[in-house]
N, C-alpha and C. Protein backbone atom coordinates (compact mmCIF):
# COMPACT_ATOMS: atom_id res chain seq x y z
N MET A 1 -11.20 -47.93 88.88
CA MET A 1 -11.94 -47.86 87.63
C MET A 1 -10.98 -48.14 86.48
N PRO A 2 -11.28 -49.09 85.62
CA PRO A 2 -10.38 -49.42 84.52
C PRO A 2 -10.42 -48.35 83.43
N GLN A 3 -9.28 -48.15 82.80
CA GLN A 3 -9.20 -47.18 81.71
C GLN A 3 -9.55 -47.89 80.40
N PRO A 4 -10.55 -47.39 79.68
CA PRO A 4 -11.05 -48.12 78.52
C PRO A 4 -10.10 -48.14 77.32
N TYR A 5 -9.21 -47.18 77.18
CA TYR A 5 -8.39 -47.09 75.98
C TYR A 5 -6.91 -47.31 76.27
N ARG A 6 -6.56 -47.99 77.34
CA ARG A 6 -5.16 -48.14 77.69
C ARG A 6 -4.41 -49.07 76.73
N HIS A 7 -5.12 -49.90 76.00
CA HIS A 7 -4.47 -50.81 75.05
C HIS A 7 -4.09 -50.10 73.74
N LEU A 8 -4.60 -48.90 73.51
CA LEU A 8 -4.28 -48.16 72.30
C LEU A 8 -2.95 -47.42 72.47
N PRO A 9 -2.23 -47.20 71.37
CA PRO A 9 -0.96 -46.46 71.48
C PRO A 9 -1.21 -45.01 71.88
N ALA A 10 -0.21 -44.43 72.50
CA ALA A 10 -0.34 -43.05 73.00
C ALA A 10 -0.37 -42.05 71.85
N THR A 11 0.28 -42.36 70.76
CA THR A 11 0.29 -41.45 69.62
C THR A 11 -0.65 -41.96 68.55
N LYS A 12 -1.15 -41.04 67.75
CA LYS A 12 -2.06 -41.42 66.68
C LYS A 12 -1.25 -41.98 65.51
N PRO A 13 -1.69 -43.07 64.94
CA PRO A 13 -0.99 -43.60 63.78
C PRO A 13 -1.31 -42.75 62.55
N ASP A 14 -0.38 -42.70 61.64
CA ASP A 14 -0.60 -41.95 60.40
C ASP A 14 -1.38 -42.83 59.44
N ILE A 15 -2.69 -42.61 59.40
CA ILE A 15 -3.53 -43.47 58.57
C ILE A 15 -3.41 -43.15 57.09
N HIS A 16 -2.86 -42.00 56.75
CA HIS A 16 -2.75 -41.62 55.34
C HIS A 16 -1.48 -42.15 54.69
N ALA A 17 -0.51 -42.59 55.46
CA ALA A 17 0.75 -43.07 54.89
C ALA A 17 0.56 -44.26 53.96
N PRO A 18 -0.19 -45.30 54.35
CA PRO A 18 -0.37 -46.42 53.41
C PRO A 18 -1.10 -46.01 52.14
N ILE A 19 -2.05 -45.10 52.26
CA ILE A 19 -2.79 -44.64 51.08
C ILE A 19 -1.86 -43.87 50.15
N ALA A 20 -1.05 -43.00 50.71
CA ALA A 20 -0.10 -42.23 49.89
C ALA A 20 0.92 -43.16 49.23
N ARG A 21 1.38 -44.16 49.97
CA ARG A 21 2.34 -45.11 49.41
C ARG A 21 1.69 -45.90 48.28
N HIS A 22 0.44 -46.33 48.47
CA HIS A 22 -0.27 -47.08 47.44
C HIS A 22 -0.49 -46.21 46.19
N THR A 23 -0.84 -44.95 46.41
CA THR A 23 -1.07 -44.04 45.29
C THR A 23 0.22 -43.80 44.53
N ALA A 24 1.32 -43.61 45.24
CA ALA A 24 2.60 -43.38 44.58
C ALA A 24 3.03 -44.61 43.78
N LEU A 25 2.81 -45.79 44.33
CA LEU A 25 3.15 -47.01 43.60
C LEU A 25 2.27 -47.17 42.38
N GLY A 26 0.99 -46.83 42.51
CA GLY A 26 0.08 -46.91 41.36
C GLY A 26 0.48 -45.95 40.26
N ARG A 27 0.86 -44.74 40.62
CA ARG A 27 1.29 -43.77 39.62
C ARG A 27 2.60 -44.19 38.96
N ALA A 28 3.49 -44.78 39.75
CA ALA A 28 4.74 -45.26 39.18
C ALA A 28 4.47 -46.38 38.18
N ARG A 29 3.54 -47.25 38.52
CA ARG A 29 3.19 -48.34 37.60
C ARG A 29 2.57 -47.80 36.33
N ILE A 30 1.71 -46.80 36.44
CA ILE A 30 1.10 -46.20 35.26
C ILE A 30 2.17 -45.54 34.39
N ALA A 31 3.11 -44.83 35.02
CA ALA A 31 4.17 -44.19 34.26
C ALA A 31 5.03 -45.22 33.54
N GLN A 32 5.37 -46.32 34.21
CA GLN A 32 6.16 -47.36 33.56
C GLN A 32 5.43 -47.95 32.37
N MET A 33 4.17 -48.24 32.55
CA MET A 33 3.40 -48.86 31.47
C MET A 33 3.20 -47.89 30.31
N ARG A 34 2.96 -46.64 30.62
CA ARG A 34 2.67 -45.66 29.59
C ARG A 34 3.94 -45.21 28.86
N TYR A 35 4.97 -44.88 29.60
CA TYR A 35 6.17 -44.31 29.01
C TYR A 35 7.12 -45.38 28.47
N PHE A 36 7.43 -46.36 29.30
CA PHE A 36 8.40 -47.36 28.91
C PHE A 36 7.77 -48.53 28.15
N GLY A 37 6.55 -48.88 28.50
CA GLY A 37 5.88 -50.01 27.86
C GLY A 37 5.15 -49.66 26.60
N GLY A 38 4.82 -48.37 26.43
CA GLY A 38 4.11 -47.93 25.24
C GLY A 38 2.63 -48.27 25.24
N TYR A 39 2.07 -48.55 26.42
CA TYR A 39 0.65 -48.88 26.51
C TYR A 39 -0.20 -47.63 26.42
N CYS A 40 -1.39 -47.75 25.87
CA CYS A 40 -2.33 -46.63 25.86
C CYS A 40 -3.18 -46.69 27.13
N GLU A 41 -4.00 -45.68 27.34
CA GLU A 41 -4.80 -45.60 28.56
C GLU A 41 -5.77 -46.78 28.69
N GLN A 42 -6.36 -47.19 27.57
CA GLN A 42 -7.31 -48.30 27.61
C GLN A 42 -6.62 -49.61 28.02
N GLN A 43 -5.40 -49.82 27.52
CA GLN A 43 -4.68 -51.04 27.87
C GLN A 43 -4.28 -51.05 29.34
N ILE A 44 -3.87 -49.90 29.86
CA ILE A 44 -3.51 -49.82 31.28
C ILE A 44 -4.73 -50.04 32.15
N ALA A 45 -5.88 -49.52 31.71
CA ALA A 45 -7.11 -49.65 32.49
C ALA A 45 -7.61 -51.09 32.55
N GLU A 46 -7.10 -51.96 31.70
CA GLU A 46 -7.49 -53.37 31.74
C GLU A 46 -6.85 -54.11 32.92
N THR A 47 -5.81 -53.52 33.52
CA THR A 47 -5.20 -54.16 34.68
C THR A 47 -6.14 -54.04 35.87
N PRO A 48 -6.05 -54.95 36.82
CA PRO A 48 -6.97 -54.90 37.97
C PRO A 48 -6.79 -53.64 38.81
N ASP A 49 -7.87 -53.17 39.38
CA ASP A 49 -7.90 -52.05 40.33
C ASP A 49 -7.57 -50.70 39.73
N ILE A 50 -7.58 -50.57 38.41
CA ILE A 50 -7.32 -49.28 37.79
C ILE A 50 -8.40 -49.03 36.75
N THR A 51 -9.06 -47.88 36.85
CA THR A 51 -10.04 -47.50 35.84
C THR A 51 -9.38 -46.56 34.84
N GLU A 52 -9.99 -46.42 33.68
CA GLU A 52 -9.43 -45.53 32.67
C GLU A 52 -9.40 -44.08 33.15
N HIS A 53 -10.41 -43.69 33.91
CA HIS A 53 -10.45 -42.34 34.46
C HIS A 53 -9.28 -42.10 35.41
N THR A 54 -8.97 -43.10 36.25
CA THR A 54 -7.82 -42.99 37.16
C THR A 54 -6.52 -42.87 36.37
N VAL A 55 -6.39 -43.64 35.31
CA VAL A 55 -5.19 -43.57 34.48
C VAL A 55 -5.04 -42.17 33.90
N GLN A 56 -6.12 -41.62 33.37
CA GLN A 56 -6.07 -40.27 32.79
C GLN A 56 -5.69 -39.23 33.83
N LEU A 57 -6.34 -39.28 35.00
CA LEU A 57 -6.05 -38.30 36.05
C LEU A 57 -4.61 -38.40 36.54
N ASP A 58 -4.16 -39.62 36.82
CA ASP A 58 -2.81 -39.80 37.33
C ASP A 58 -1.77 -39.39 36.30
N TRP A 59 -2.01 -39.72 35.03
CA TRP A 59 -1.07 -39.34 33.98
C TRP A 59 -1.00 -37.82 33.85
N ASP A 60 -2.13 -37.15 33.90
CA ASP A 60 -2.15 -35.68 33.83
C ASP A 60 -1.43 -35.07 35.03
N ARG A 61 -1.65 -35.63 36.22
CA ARG A 61 -0.97 -35.11 37.42
C ARG A 61 0.54 -35.29 37.32
N MET A 62 0.97 -36.44 36.84
CA MET A 62 2.40 -36.69 36.71
C MET A 62 3.04 -35.76 35.68
N ARG A 63 2.35 -35.57 34.56
CA ARG A 63 2.88 -34.65 33.54
C ARG A 63 2.96 -33.23 34.08
N LEU A 64 1.94 -32.77 34.78
CA LEU A 64 1.94 -31.44 35.35
C LEU A 64 3.06 -31.27 36.37
N LYS A 65 3.24 -32.27 37.23
CA LYS A 65 4.30 -32.21 38.22
C LYS A 65 5.67 -32.16 37.54
N PHE A 66 5.85 -32.96 36.49
CA PHE A 66 7.12 -32.98 35.77
C PHE A 66 7.41 -31.62 35.14
N TRP A 67 6.45 -31.07 34.41
CA TRP A 67 6.68 -29.79 33.73
C TRP A 67 6.81 -28.64 34.72
N ARG A 68 6.07 -28.68 35.81
CA ARG A 68 6.20 -27.64 36.83
C ARG A 68 7.61 -27.67 37.42
N ARG A 69 8.09 -28.88 37.70
CA ARG A 69 9.44 -29.02 38.26
C ARG A 69 10.48 -28.52 37.24
N ARG A 70 10.32 -28.86 35.98
CA ARG A 70 11.26 -28.40 34.94
C ARG A 70 11.22 -26.88 34.81
N TYR A 71 10.03 -26.29 34.88
CA TYR A 71 9.89 -24.85 34.75
C TYR A 71 10.55 -24.14 35.92
N VAL A 72 10.32 -24.64 37.13
CA VAL A 72 10.91 -24.02 38.31
C VAL A 72 12.43 -24.12 38.25
N GLU A 73 12.96 -25.27 37.85
CA GLU A 73 14.41 -25.42 37.74
C GLU A 73 14.98 -24.47 36.69
N ALA A 74 14.27 -24.28 35.59
CA ALA A 74 14.74 -23.37 34.54
C ALA A 74 14.75 -21.93 35.04
N ILE A 75 13.74 -21.54 35.79
CA ILE A 75 13.67 -20.19 36.33
C ILE A 75 14.79 -19.98 37.35
N GLU A 76 15.03 -20.98 38.19
CA GLU A 76 16.06 -20.84 39.21
C GLU A 76 17.47 -20.78 38.61
N GLN A 77 17.66 -21.38 37.45
CA GLN A 77 18.98 -21.40 36.83
C GLN A 77 19.30 -20.11 36.08
N THR A 78 18.30 -19.34 35.70
CA THR A 78 18.56 -18.11 34.97
C THR A 78 18.81 -16.97 35.94
N ASP A 79 19.70 -16.07 35.55
CA ASP A 79 20.01 -14.92 36.39
C ASP A 79 18.92 -13.86 36.30
N ASP A 80 18.45 -13.60 35.09
CA ASP A 80 17.43 -12.58 34.88
C ASP A 80 16.29 -13.20 34.06
N PRO A 81 15.26 -13.74 34.73
CA PRO A 81 14.19 -14.40 33.99
C PRO A 81 13.40 -13.48 33.09
N ILE A 82 13.39 -12.18 33.37
CA ILE A 82 12.67 -11.22 32.54
C ILE A 82 13.70 -10.31 31.90
N ASP A 83 13.81 -10.41 30.60
CA ASP A 83 14.78 -9.61 29.86
C ASP A 83 14.09 -8.33 29.41
N SER A 84 14.46 -7.22 30.01
CA SER A 84 13.81 -5.94 29.69
C SER A 84 14.60 -5.16 28.64
N SER A 85 15.57 -5.78 27.99
CA SER A 85 16.38 -5.06 27.02
C SER A 85 15.68 -4.88 25.68
N ASP A 86 14.55 -5.54 25.46
CA ASP A 86 13.88 -5.42 24.17
C ASP A 86 13.00 -4.17 24.09
N GLY A 87 12.81 -3.47 25.18
CA GLY A 87 12.06 -2.23 25.18
C GLY A 87 10.56 -2.41 25.16
N ALA A 88 10.06 -3.59 25.41
CA ALA A 88 8.64 -3.85 25.36
C ALA A 88 7.87 -3.10 26.44
N ASP A 89 8.52 -2.80 27.55
CA ASP A 89 7.84 -2.12 28.65
C ASP A 89 7.90 -0.59 28.53
N GLU A 90 8.66 -0.10 27.58
CA GLU A 90 8.78 1.35 27.41
C GLU A 90 7.58 1.90 26.66
N PRO A 91 7.15 3.12 26.97
CA PRO A 91 6.02 3.69 26.25
C PRO A 91 6.38 4.01 24.81
N ALA A 92 5.39 3.99 23.96
CA ALA A 92 5.62 4.28 22.54
C ALA A 92 5.97 5.75 22.37
N PRO A 93 6.88 6.08 21.46
CA PRO A 93 7.26 7.50 21.25
C PRO A 93 6.10 8.29 20.64
N GLY A 94 6.07 9.56 21.00
CA GLY A 94 5.17 10.49 20.38
C GLY A 94 3.88 10.63 20.93
């Protein structure tokens, strides 16, 4: 009896890798156009395969990722992120 799927690879291919690579390249292109080129969202959306909504979403995601990374690095670099020397946590007298 012949095996029907013997021509297929034994392991499953990663079908999400090309999509993730395409998305990363698209976001990089948006960042270049927006930050270095000085284009606005409407001008970037005039390029093929990009809608204005996609430009807005990707730009917001990139900004959030950037600031989150900066915040985490700042927290990791400080020895005591919460300074309790100002007495704000102490109860009021009397």
